Protein backbone atom coordinates (compact mmCIF):
# COMPACT_ATOMS: atom_id res chain seq x y z
CA GLU A 1 191.40 87.23 85.16
CA GLY A 2 189.91 85.43 88.12
CA SER A 3 188.70 82.07 89.25
CA VAL A 4 185.64 79.94 88.70
CA VAL A 5 184.43 77.32 91.17
CA LEU A 6 182.75 74.34 89.60
CA TYR A 7 181.28 71.74 91.92
CA CYS A 8 181.06 68.46 90.01
CA GLY A 9 178.29 66.88 92.00
CA GLY A 10 174.56 66.82 92.26
CA ILE A 11 171.51 64.62 92.38
CA ALA A 12 173.45 61.46 91.42
CA GLU A 13 175.70 61.80 94.48
CA LEU A 14 172.70 62.45 96.72
CA PHE A 15 171.18 59.13 95.76
CA LYS A 16 174.39 57.08 95.61
CA SER A 17 176.15 58.09 98.85
CA CYS A 18 175.34 56.47 102.19
CA LEU A 19 176.81 56.07 105.69
CA GLU A 20 179.44 53.57 104.49
CA GLU A 21 180.22 54.96 101.04
CA GLU A 22 180.90 58.30 99.43
CA ARG A 23 180.19 58.17 95.70
CA LEU A 24 181.16 60.66 93.04
CA TYR A 25 179.56 60.40 89.64
CA LEU A 26 182.60 61.56 87.68
CA SER A 27 183.51 58.84 85.19
CA LYS A 28 181.33 60.36 82.45
CA ARG A 29 181.71 64.00 83.52
CA LYS A 30 184.69 65.13 81.47
CA GLY A 31 183.43 68.33 79.88
CA PHE A 32 185.04 70.53 82.53
CA ILE A 33 188.44 69.03 81.65
CA LYS A 34 187.87 69.64 77.95
CA ILE A 35 186.90 73.28 78.55
CA ALA A 36 189.91 73.86 80.84
CA LEU A 37 192.30 72.42 78.27
CA ARG A 38 190.76 74.48 75.44
CA GLU A 39 190.88 77.70 77.44
CA GLY A 40 194.28 77.17 79.04
CA ALA A 41 192.72 77.25 82.51
CA ASP A 42 194.05 75.19 85.38
CA ILE A 43 192.00 73.02 87.72
CA LEU A 44 192.41 72.91 91.47
CA PRO A 45 190.98 69.59 92.77
CA CYS A 46 188.92 69.85 95.96
CA PHE A 47 186.63 67.78 98.14
CA MET A 48 183.85 68.84 100.50
CA PHE A 49 183.46 66.58 103.51
CA GLY A 50 180.15 66.58 105.32
CA ASN A 51 177.73 67.54 102.59
CA THR A 52 176.29 64.01 102.42
CA VAL A 53 175.67 63.73 106.19
CA VAL A 54 174.01 67.07 106.96
CA LEU A 55 170.83 66.02 105.15
CA SER A 56 169.24 62.65 104.46
CA VAL A 57 167.35 61.97 101.27
CA LEU A 58 164.47 59.65 100.41
CA LYS A 59 166.22 57.30 97.99
CA HIS A 60 163.34 55.03 97.01
CA GLY A 61 159.81 55.43 95.74
CA PRO A 62 158.07 57.55 93.12
CA LEU A 63 159.64 60.89 94.07
CA ALA A 64 163.13 59.42 94.00
CA ASN A 65 162.46 57.86 90.58
CA LEU A 66 161.12 61.16 89.27
CA SER A 67 164.18 62.99 90.61
CA ARG A 68 166.49 60.60 88.75
CA LYS A 69 164.56 61.05 85.51
CA LEU A 70 164.48 64.83 85.76
CA GLY A 71 168.05 65.18 87.00
CA ALA A 72 166.71 67.49 89.72
CA SER A 73 165.68 66.75 93.27
CA VAL A 74 161.95 66.61 93.88
CA THR A 75 162.35 64.12 96.69
CA TYR A 76 162.13 64.62 100.43
CA MET A 77 165.30 65.71 102.25
CA TRP A 78 165.55 66.05 106.01
CA GLY A 79 167.98 66.94 108.76
CA LYS A 80 167.13 68.32 112.21
CA ALA A 81 163.72 67.26 113.52
CA TYR A 82 162.94 65.72 110.08
CA LEU A 83 162.88 69.20 108.57
CA PRO A 84 164.99 70.40 105.62
CA ILE A 85 167.36 72.06 108.10
CA PRO A 86 170.97 70.76 107.97
CA ARG A 87 172.24 68.78 110.95
CA ASP A 88 174.98 70.31 113.09
CA GLU A 89 177.85 68.37 111.54
CA MET A 90 181.33 69.57 110.80
CA LEU A 91 181.96 70.47 107.18
CA MET A 92 185.47 70.51 105.83
CA TYR A 93 186.68 71.75 102.47
CA VAL A 94 190.07 70.53 101.30
CA ARG A 95 191.95 71.38 98.16
CA GLY A 96 194.99 70.10 96.39
CA LYS A 97 197.46 71.85 94.17
CA PRO A 98 196.66 73.00 90.63
CA LEU A 99 196.98 70.14 88.15
CA GLY A 100 199.16 72.19 85.79
CA LEU A 101 196.99 71.67 82.71
CA PRO A 102 198.47 72.73 79.39
CA HIS A 103 196.65 74.88 76.85
CA ILE A 104 195.43 72.54 74.09
CA PRO A 105 193.07 74.40 71.70
CA GLU A 106 191.71 71.13 70.27
CA PRO A 107 192.20 68.42 72.91
CA THR A 108 191.88 64.81 71.79
CA ALA A 109 189.89 62.18 73.69
CA GLU A 110 193.24 60.86 74.95
CA ASP A 111 194.21 64.31 76.27
CA ILE A 112 190.88 64.64 78.07
CA ASP A 113 191.09 61.12 79.52
CA LYS A 114 194.66 61.69 80.73
CA TYR A 115 193.85 64.85 82.69
CA HIS A 116 190.49 63.53 83.87
CA ALA A 117 192.30 60.52 85.37
CA LEU A 118 194.79 62.89 87.02
CA TYR A 119 191.91 64.91 88.49
CA CYS A 120 190.16 61.79 89.83
CA LYS A 121 193.42 60.49 91.32
CA GLU A 122 193.97 63.79 93.16
CA VAL A 123 190.38 63.88 94.46
CA ARG A 124 190.86 60.34 95.79
CA ARG A 125 194.16 61.35 97.43
CA LEU A 126 192.46 64.30 99.13
CA PHE A 127 189.67 62.06 100.41
CA GLU A 128 192.03 59.43 101.79
CA SER A 129 194.37 62.04 103.31
CA TYR A 130 191.69 63.93 105.23
CA LYS A 131 188.83 61.51 105.98
CA GLU A 132 190.25 60.62 109.41
CA LYS A 133 189.58 64.17 110.61
CA LEU A 134 185.78 63.70 110.55
CA PRO A 135 184.01 61.01 112.60
CA HIS A 136 181.42 60.25 109.89
CA TYR A 137 184.11 59.72 107.26
CA LYS A 138 186.76 57.66 109.08
CA HIS A 139 185.37 54.36 107.79
CA LYS A 140 183.90 55.55 104.51
CA GLN A 141 185.19 54.43 101.16
CA LEU A 142 185.23 56.67 98.10
CA PHE A 143 183.93 55.30 94.82
CA ILE A 144 184.20 57.24 91.58
CA ASP A 145 181.45 56.00 89.27
């Protein structure tokens, strides 16, 4: 019994997001849906606003290229006074309702795609419903790559 929090984000989002766009690298990340279906676990979609504006990241050059190849950040990140200290920006966590996933011991690719699309749709709805509450997000667009 209990809950597990899985944040589907990482180095790809660091390098893809900017002041005008919020990007989630989710189109190929479907394993969490497959596991949830197999185990009969439900998924509660959520979105964290602010995590891409509290720190800036060096997106070009040799360290950025190395970070992409390794799948881990070895690039320079900065916030206050160009130090790796987050800026004083409002963070906001929003969550939707559980998706109501069924228990499918051996989910097919179609099953996984169906519930992955439902998850992405709900994440997009959360983003669009709440982005007006934060100044840095009012004009941002969400892209799910």
